[in-house]
Protein backbone atom coordinates (compact mmCIF):
# COMPACT_ATOMS: atom_id res chain seq x y z
CA MET A 1 111.69 115.15 127.84
CA SER A 2 111.14 119.10 127.56
CA GLY A 3 113.35 121.84 126.80
CA LYS A 4 115.78 123.14 123.92
CA GLN A 5 118.65 120.42 124.89
CA ASN A 6 115.94 117.42 124.65
CA LYS A 7 114.92 118.61 120.86
CA GLU A 8 118.30 118.73 120.23
CA ILE A 9 118.88 114.91 120.77
CA CYS A 10 115.19 113.78 120.48
CA CYS A 11 115.05 112.69 116.92
CA GLY A 12 111.02 111.45 117.53
CA CYS A 13 111.65 107.65 116.44
CA SER A 14 108.52 107.70 118.85
CA ALA A 15 109.87 104.19 120.70
CA CYS A 16 109.55 105.93 124.38
CA SER A 17 105.43 105.91 123.30
CA ASN A 18 105.36 102.60 122.02
CA VAL A 19 107.70 101.01 125.21
CA CYS A 20 105.57 103.23 128.45
CA PRO A 21 102.97 100.88 130.03
CA LYS A 22 101.21 103.05 131.33
CA ASP A 23 100.46 104.76 128.00
CA ALA A 24 101.26 108.38 129.82
CA ILE A 25 103.11 109.70 126.78
CA THR A 26 102.28 110.70 123.19
CA MET A 27 103.44 112.34 120.61
CA THR A 28 102.77 115.99 119.96
CA GLU A 29 103.37 118.52 117.83
CA ASP A 30 105.52 121.21 119.02
CA GLU A 31 105.35 124.90 117.86
CA GLU A 32 108.12 124.08 115.16
CA GLY A 33 105.97 121.61 113.77
CA PHE A 34 107.80 118.39 114.43
CA LEU A 35 106.70 115.17 117.17
CA TYR A 36 108.30 114.90 120.83
CA PRO A 37 107.70 112.55 123.45
CA SER A 38 105.25 114.50 125.99
CA VAL A 39 104.06 113.14 129.29
CA GLU A 40 101.21 113.28 131.60
CA GLN A 41 102.69 112.84 134.78
CA LYS A 42 99.89 111.48 136.21
CA LYS A 43 100.26 107.70 134.48
CA CYS A 44 103.84 108.08 134.78
CA ILE A 45 105.23 105.71 137.08
CA GLN A 46 108.87 106.55 137.36
CA CYS A 47 109.54 103.19 135.63
CA GLY A 48 112.60 104.37 133.53
CA CYS A 49 111.62 102.59 130.18
CA CYS A 50 111.40 105.32 127.97
CA GLU A 51 115.21 106.78 128.98
CA GLN A 52 116.47 102.39 128.20
CA VAL A 53 114.88 102.28 125.32
CA CYS A 54 115.90 105.73 123.22
CA PRO A 55 118.22 105.33 120.55
CA VAL A 56 120.41 107.67 120.78
CA GLY A 57 123.43 106.82 122.31
CA ASN A 58 122.25 103.43 123.12
CA THR A 59 122.20 101.79 119.93
CA THR A 60 125.35 99.91 118.25
CA ALA A 61 125.69 99.92 115.27
CA PRO A 62 128.58 97.58 112.99
CA GLY A 63 131.87 99.32 111.85
CA HIS A 64 131.23 98.72 108.01
CA PRO A 65 128.77 97.20 105.88
CA TYR A 66 129.15 93.49 105.06
CA ALA A 67 128.65 94.14 100.95
CA ALA A 68 127.68 96.20 98.64
CA TYR A 69 125.44 96.59 95.73
CA LEU A 70 123.80 97.92 92.47
CA ILE A 71 120.03 96.67 92.40
CA GLN A 72 117.03 97.58 89.69
CA GLU A 73 114.02 95.91 90.42
CA MET A 74 112.88 94.05 86.61
CA SER A 75 110.24 95.91 85.84
CA ASP A 76 111.18 98.81 84.57
CA GLN A 77 107.25 100.20 84.83
CA VAL A 78 107.62 99.75 88.48
CA ARG A 79 111.11 101.64 88.44
CA LEU A 80 109.51 104.65 86.58
CA LYS A 81 107.70 105.17 89.42
CA SER A 82 109.85 105.00 92.36
CA THR A 83 112.83 107.20 93.75
CA SER A 84 115.78 105.23 92.14
CA GLY A 85 115.87 101.44 91.63
CA ALA A 86 113.02 99.86 93.19
CA ALA A 87 114.77 97.58 95.16
CA VAL A 88 112.16 98.02 98.06
CA ASN A 89 109.36 96.83 95.86
CA ALA A 90 111.63 93.94 94.81
CA ILE A 91 112.38 92.79 98.18
CA ALA A 92 108.52 93.76 99.43
CA VAL A 93 106.94 91.92 96.99
CA ASN A 94 108.80 88.66 97.97
CA VAL A 95 107.62 89.40 101.70
CA LEU A 96 104.17 89.58 100.92
CA ARG A 97 104.19 86.41 98.39
CA ASN A 98 105.34 84.48 101.60
CA GLY A 99 102.80 85.88 103.47
CA GLY A 100 104.25 88.28 105.75
CA CYS A 101 103.75 92.41 105.61
CA VAL A 102 105.59 95.68 104.76
CA ILE A 103 105.82 98.71 106.66
CA GLY A 104 106.48 101.83 105.38
CA ALA A 105 105.56 105.65 104.74
CA GLU A 106 103.05 107.17 102.94
CA LEU A 107 101.11 110.49 101.79
CA SER A 108 97.95 109.68 102.94
CA GLU A 109 94.10 111.23 100.73
CA GLN A 110 94.87 114.26 103.23
CA VAL A 111 99.27 114.12 102.34
CA VAL A 112 100.12 113.64 105.53
CA CYS A 113 103.18 111.60 105.64
CA GLN A 114 102.76 108.82 108.09
CA HIS A 115 103.69 104.86 107.83
CA ILE A 116 101.23 102.51 107.41
CA VAL A 117 100.55 98.42 107.64
CA ILE A 118 100.70 97.09 103.36
CA GLU A 119 98.73 93.52 103.49
CA ASN A 120 98.78 92.96 99.33
CA GLU A 121 100.76 93.71 96.69
CA GLU A 122 98.30 96.06 95.09
CA GLU A 123 98.66 98.49 98.19
CA LEU A 124 102.78 99.06 97.43
CA ARG A 125 101.76 101.76 95.03
CA ARG A 126 101.15 103.82 98.57
CA ILE A 127 104.13 103.32 99.58
CA GLN A 128 106.37 104.30 96.65
CA GLY A 129 109.09 107.49 96.19
CA SER A 130 110.54 109.74 98.53
CA LYS A 131 108.91 111.72 101.15
CA TYR A 132 110.32 114.58 101.98
CA VAL A 133 109.00 114.93 105.18
CA GLN A 134 109.20 113.44 108.54
CA SER A 135 106.63 110.11 108.81
CA ASP A 136 104.17 109.67 111.80
CA LEU A 137 105.26 106.10 112.81
CA GLY A 138 101.45 106.10 115.22
CA ASP A 139 101.50 102.77 117.15
CA CYS A 140 103.98 100.63 113.84
CA PHE A 141 106.24 99.34 116.83
CA SER A 142 103.87 97.80 118.67
CA VAL A 143 101.89 96.18 115.74
CA ILE A 144 105.23 95.23 113.89
CA ARG A 145 106.21 93.41 117.26
CA ARG A 146 103.03 91.70 117.57
CA GLU A 147 103.29 89.94 114.11
CA LEU A 148 107.01 89.19 114.82
CA LYS A 149 105.08 87.04 117.56
CA LYS A 150 103.21 85.37 115.65
CA GLU A 151 106.22 84.23 113.54
CA ARG A 152 105.19 86.11 110.32
CA LEU A 153 107.97 87.67 107.84
CA VAL A 154 107.72 91.55 108.54
CA LEU A 155 109.50 94.00 106.51
CA PHE A 156 109.83 97.84 107.93
CA VAL A 157 110.74 100.83 105.50
CA GLY A 158 112.46 103.87 107.22
CA MET A 159 114.57 106.63 107.90
CA GLY A 160 118.00 105.34 110.20
CA CYS A 161 116.81 107.13 113.71
CA GLN A 162 113.29 105.07 112.86
CA VAL A 163 115.21 102.23 112.14
CA ALA A 164 117.33 102.35 115.35
CA GLY A 165 114.66 102.97 117.36
CA LEU A 166 112.37 99.96 116.55
CA LYS A 167 115.39 97.83 117.18
CA ALA A 168 115.54 99.36 120.81
CA TYR A 169 111.87 98.73 121.52
CA LEU A 170 111.55 95.51 120.03
CA ASN A 171 115.43 94.68 121.90
CA LYS A 172 115.82 91.67 120.03
CA GLU A 173 116.82 90.04 117.07
CA TYR A 174 113.94 88.50 114.90
CA ASP A 175 115.13 86.56 112.27
CA ASN A 176 111.61 86.60 110.26
CA LEU A 177 112.31 90.94 110.93
CA ILE A 178 113.87 92.44 107.71
CA THR A 179 114.83 96.44 107.92
CA ILE A 180 115.95 98.76 105.45
CA ASP A 181 116.65 102.49 106.35
CA LEU A 182 116.94 105.56 103.80
CA ALA A 183 119.88 107.74 103.97
CA CYS A 184 118.53 111.03 103.86
CA HIS A 185 119.56 114.42 104.02
CA GLY A 186 117.19 115.48 107.07
CA VAL A 187 113.43 115.54 107.61
CA PRO A 188 111.72 118.67 106.81
CA SER A 189 108.99 119.73 109.61
CA PRO A 190 105.36 118.36 108.78
CA GLY A 191 103.76 121.46 110.21
CA ILE A 192 105.37 123.26 107.36
CA PHE A 193 104.80 120.78 104.83
CA ARG A 194 101.26 121.12 105.83
CA GLU A 195 101.61 125.07 104.88
CA TYR A 196 102.90 124.44 101.71
CA ILE A 197 100.23 122.01 100.90
CA GLU A 198 97.79 124.89 101.61
CA TYR A 199 99.70 127.32 100.16
CA LEU A 200 99.60 125.28 96.70
CA THR A 201 96.23 124.58 97.30
CA LYS A 202 94.71 128.41 97.60
CA LYS A 203 97.65 129.39 95.18
CA HIS A 204 96.48 127.00 92.11
CA HIS A 205 92.84 127.55 93.37
CA LYS A 206 92.19 123.33 93.47
CA GLN A 207 93.38 120.46 96.69
CA VAL A 208 96.61 119.39 96.33
CA THR A 209 96.20 115.23 96.36
CA ASN A 210 100.36 114.46 96.18
CA VAL A 211 103.15 115.25 95.51
CA VAL A 212 105.91 113.05 93.74
CA PHE A 213 109.18 114.61 94.86
CA ARG A 214 111.38 112.29 92.85
CA ASP A 215 109.35 112.15 89.41
CA LYS A 216 110.64 110.58 86.80
CA SER A 217 109.16 112.42 83.94
CA TYR A 218 112.51 114.07 82.80
CA GLY A 219 114.25 110.79 83.37
CA TYR A 220 116.03 109.56 86.39
CA SER A 221 119.24 111.84 86.34
CA ALA A 222 117.08 115.13 86.52
CA SER A 223 113.89 114.23 88.88
CA ASN A 224 111.28 117.02 89.46
CA VAL A 225 109.11 117.70 92.18
CA LYS A 226 105.42 117.11 90.51
CA VAL A 227 102.28 118.14 92.70
CA TYR A 228 99.22 116.45 91.57
CA PHE A 229 95.44 118.55 92.15
CA SER A 230 92.36 117.10 92.48
CA ASP A 231 90.68 117.90 89.32
CA GLY A 232 92.74 115.29 87.61
CA THR A 233 95.70 117.75 86.58
CA SER A 234 99.90 118.44 88.10
CA THR A 235 102.26 120.36 87.29
CA ASP A 236 106.28 120.60 87.79
CA CYS A 237 108.98 122.74 86.91
CA ARG A 238 107.57 125.23 89.13
CA ASN A 239 109.99 127.85 91.74
CA ASP A 240 106.42 128.12 93.76
CA ILE A 241 106.17 123.64 94.18
CA LYS A 242 110.17 123.87 94.22
CA THR A 243 109.49 126.29 97.85
CA PHE A 244 109.41 122.87 100.31
CA THR A 245 112.95 121.60 98.89
CA ARG A 246 114.67 124.90 98.67
CA LEU A 247 113.66 125.57 102.95
CA MET A 248 115.44 121.96 103.08
CA PHE A 249 118.33 121.97 101.31
CA ASN A 250 119.60 125.65 102.63
CA GLY A 251 119.30 123.81 106.42
CA LEU A 252 116.20 125.87 107.38
CA SER A 253 113.42 123.86 107.96
CA LEU A 254 115.03 120.20 109.14
CA ARG A 255 114.53 119.07 112.70
CA PRO A 256 117.33 120.00 115.35
CA SER A 257 118.73 116.74 115.69
CA CYS A 258 119.43 116.26 112.02
CA TYR A 259 122.02 118.42 112.55
CA GLU A 260 124.16 116.09 114.28
CA CYS A 261 123.04 112.73 113.59
CA ALA A 262 123.43 110.62 116.12
CA PHE A 263 122.89 107.63 113.15
CA LYS A 264 125.05 109.03 110.56
CA THR A 265 127.26 105.97 109.70
CA GLU A 266 128.29 103.67 107.29
CA GLY A 267 127.62 101.10 110.01
CA ARG A 268 123.95 100.53 110.56
CA VAL A 269 121.40 98.19 112.72
CA SER A 270 119.14 97.83 110.01
CA ASP A 271 119.72 94.57 107.47
CA LEU A 272 119.94 97.24 104.28
CA THR A 273 120.97 100.72 103.98
CA LEU A 274 118.90 102.36 100.23
CA PHE A 275 120.18 105.18 98.48
CA ASP A 276 121.07 106.90 94.57
CA CYS A 277 123.11 105.68 92.04
CA ALA A 278 123.39 108.81 89.75
CA MET A 279 127.35 108.03 88.40
CA VAL A 280 126.12 104.57 87.96
CA GLY A 281 127.84 104.10 84.42
CA THR A 282 131.11 104.29 86.23
CA TYR A 283 130.02 101.52 88.00
CA ALA A 284 127.75 99.09 85.74
CA PRO A 285 126.79 100.71 82.34
CA GLU A 286 124.28 98.26 81.62
CA PHE A 287 122.49 99.55 84.42
CA ASP A 288 122.79 102.92 82.70
CA ASP A 289 118.94 103.56 81.20
CA ASP A 290 118.27 106.59 82.96
CA LYS A 291 115.16 104.73 84.83
CA GLY A 292 117.00 104.58 88.17
CA THR A 293 119.43 102.02 90.46
CA THR A 294 119.80 101.92 93.58
CA SER A 295 122.41 101.91 96.15
CA VAL A 296 122.56 99.24 98.92
CA LEU A 297 124.64 98.36 101.38
CA VAL A 298 124.20 95.22 103.36
CA HIS A 299 124.84 94.95 107.56
CA SER A 300 123.73 91.03 107.30
CA GLU A 301 123.79 87.83 106.37
CA LYS A 302 120.44 87.49 106.60
CA ALA A 303 120.35 90.42 104.35
CA ILE A 304 122.98 89.41 101.52
CA ALA A 305 120.99 85.97 101.46
CA LEU A 306 117.97 87.75 100.49
CA ILE A 307 119.47 89.79 97.83
CA LYS A 308 121.08 86.70 96.05
CA ALA A 309 117.44 84.82 96.66
CA GLU A 310 115.84 88.22 94.90
CA VAL A 311 118.12 87.74 92.08
CA LEU A 312 117.09 83.73 91.37
CA ASN A 313 113.34 84.73 91.58
CA GLY A 314 113.65 86.93 88.96
CA ASN A 315 112.81 89.47 90.80
CA MET A 316 115.67 92.18 90.44
CA ARG A 317 119.13 92.43 88.45
CA ALA A 318 121.95 93.11 91.04
CA LYS A 319 126.07 93.94 90.40
CA ARG A 320 127.98 93.77 93.83
CA VAL A 321 130.53 96.62 93.88
CA ASN A 322 132.99 98.45 96.41
CA ALA A 323 131.41 99.75 99.59
CA GLU A 324 134.16 101.87 99.76
CA GLU A 325 134.14 103.38 96.24
CA LEU A 326 130.34 103.54 96.31
CA ILE A 327 129.87 105.31 99.96
CA LYS A 328 132.49 107.99 98.49
CA SER A 329 130.91 108.45 95.23
CA GLU A 330 127.20 108.27 96.03
CA GLY A 331 127.02 107.87 99.75
CA THR A 332 127.70 111.56 101.05
CA MET A 333 124.48 111.86 103.05
CA LEU A 334 124.97 108.32 104.93
CA THR A 335 127.65 110.01 107.08
CA ALA A 336 127.33 113.71 106.90
CA SER A 337 124.57 115.52 108.50
CA ALA A 338 122.86 118.39 107.14
CA LYS A 339 124.53 121.74 107.88
CA ARG A 340 122.13 124.27 110.26
CA ASN A 341 121.33 127.52 108.54
CA PRO A 342 122.29 130.23 110.88
CA LYS A 343 119.02 132.32 110.15
CA ARG A 344 116.75 128.57 111.26
CA GLU A 345 115.62 130.36 114.28
CA ASP A 346 115.04 133.21 113.08
CA PHE A 347 112.92 131.42 110.41
CA PHE A 348 110.72 129.81 112.92
CA GLU A 349 110.13 132.72 114.73
CA ASP A 350 109.55 134.36 111.30
CA ARG A 351 106.56 131.67 111.21
CA THR A 352 104.54 132.90 113.49
CA THR A 353 103.49 136.00 111.39
CA LEU A 354 104.09 135.70 108.05
CA SER A 355 102.29 133.77 105.45
CA TYR A 356 104.01 130.75 103.77
CA GLU A 357 104.62 132.42 100.43
CA GLU A 358 106.02 135.62 102.87
CA LEU A 359 108.55 132.92 104.55
CA THR A 360 109.76 131.37 101.69
CA LYS A 361 110.30 134.62 100.16
CA LYS A 362 112.62 136.01 102.82
CA TYR A 363 114.38 132.99 103.53
CA ALA A 364 114.40 130.86 100.05
CA PRO A 365 113.34 133.49 97.28
CA ALA A 366 113.45 132.22 93.79
CA THR A 367 116.17 133.51 91.64
CA SER A 368 115.95 134.47 87.68
CA ILE A 369 118.39 131.89 87.11
CA MET A 370 116.40 128.74 88.68
CA PHE A 371 113.25 130.55 86.47
CA VAL A 372 115.63 130.16 83.75
CA GLY A 373 116.69 126.47 84.17
CA ASN A 374 113.10 125.45 84.89
CA LEU A 375 112.25 126.89 81.08
CA VAL A 376 115.36 124.63 79.72
CA LYS A 377 114.72 121.59 81.47
CA ARG A 378 110.91 121.90 80.32
CA THR A 379 112.14 122.54 76.65
CA LEU A 380 114.75 119.87 76.52
CA ARG A 381 111.53 117.15 78.22
CA PHE A 382 110.81 117.57 74.25
CA THR A 383 114.01 117.57 72.53
CA GLY A 384 114.85 113.51 72.08
CA PRO A 385 118.56 111.91 73.41
CA LEU A 386 120.11 115.25 73.11
CA GLY A 387 118.06 116.58 75.90
CA LYS A 388 118.09 113.60 77.74
CA SER A 389 121.72 113.77 77.00
CA LEU A 390 122.34 117.28 78.45
CA LEU A 391 119.78 116.66 80.93
CA LYS A 392 122.04 113.70 82.56
CA MET A 393 124.94 115.72 82.19
CA ASN A 394 123.84 118.69 84.30
CA LYS A 395 121.79 116.95 86.94
CA ARG A 396 125.77 114.89 87.30
CA LYS A 397 127.19 117.92 87.24
CA SER A 398 124.82 119.37 89.76
CA ILE A 399 125.56 116.02 91.89
CA ARG A 400 129.70 116.58 92.28
CA GLU A 401 128.84 120.51 93.25
CA TYR A 402 126.49 118.73 96.17
CA GLN A 403 129.13 116.07 97.46
CA LYS A 404 132.27 119.28 97.61
CA LYS A 405 129.81 121.02 99.27
CA TYR A 406 129.26 118.55 101.81
CA LYS A 407 133.10 117.31 102.28
CA SER A 408 134.26 121.20 102.57
CA THR A 409 131.68 122.36 105.05
CA PHE A 410 130.81 119.66 107.27
């Protein structure tokens, strides 16, 4: 479980550490800031459970999704606080009202990304929104199995690799388990994220308490990174707070396994796969209110029944669409792995000697165009319907360019 070759494969799902009968495996942070399994050889009995449970190459997903939907939570207030259409929230509310529990990722008070167990609706806000960093799953898998055996309804929300790891760990299907995986570009280093938080705290002379990676202050079509501080203030549309996402999308700070992701397939082992729907006006003009819409691929009959029940109960609105068309226009990240930046190794080597600010200036410097873009965005925010229309047009142009890049280089 060590060495460069294994790090290129290991997705960090923690299934091996959870399954070990002797607790001989712990998830330990490496020099790049990612968690990898570390074996205490004195405890290891060579049972092979860790190798058997690894989802990489051992998980078979259906070839194509059963169906595709566009979904919006009925509450506009909830949608505005969520990444897209708040589909997770609508499903989670139903699970909790039926005596179940929800497991999802939050940014803690220490601004650390970790999976937690939610037991009531008031706490759902803790797992709302995107977290552009790999979460620490801890002992979530063991907790989930325990609750499932109690015949309790359980909803798990995570990345494709995390859902695959959970399914491999459980090694059987449960009617009372609902799994949702989120389409992702790739997971950045938690270590880099920690240094990003320290950098912003030092630069702004106040503690960072939260980072909203898909804030909708400028509308869903022009979402933005927003940082909150301990004194109640916040800031956005600044190049210093966008450094972390620049490193991510430049292919510098991602986990090695993300560059050849084993889980980038149309079919998934989850019940539902969620991703954005920026081009919602093409499929459902009545949904195009710039507050967010979720694209959903359904991989099980259980999930189809769940969506229909949620619509009947008035928790969400849904429109069925053609799966192939939706994947083609919105789901680029479903099948295309992130591109490795040729300077990635140099980046992490320099991390040992350079400060976070020096590192980002060297590998992801801000340009004059970025400064102008931030200024224009802040200005358009206060110019009414015309400004929102221009932001929406610019966002959709950016998405088309992003998709073109994926199709041509991946």
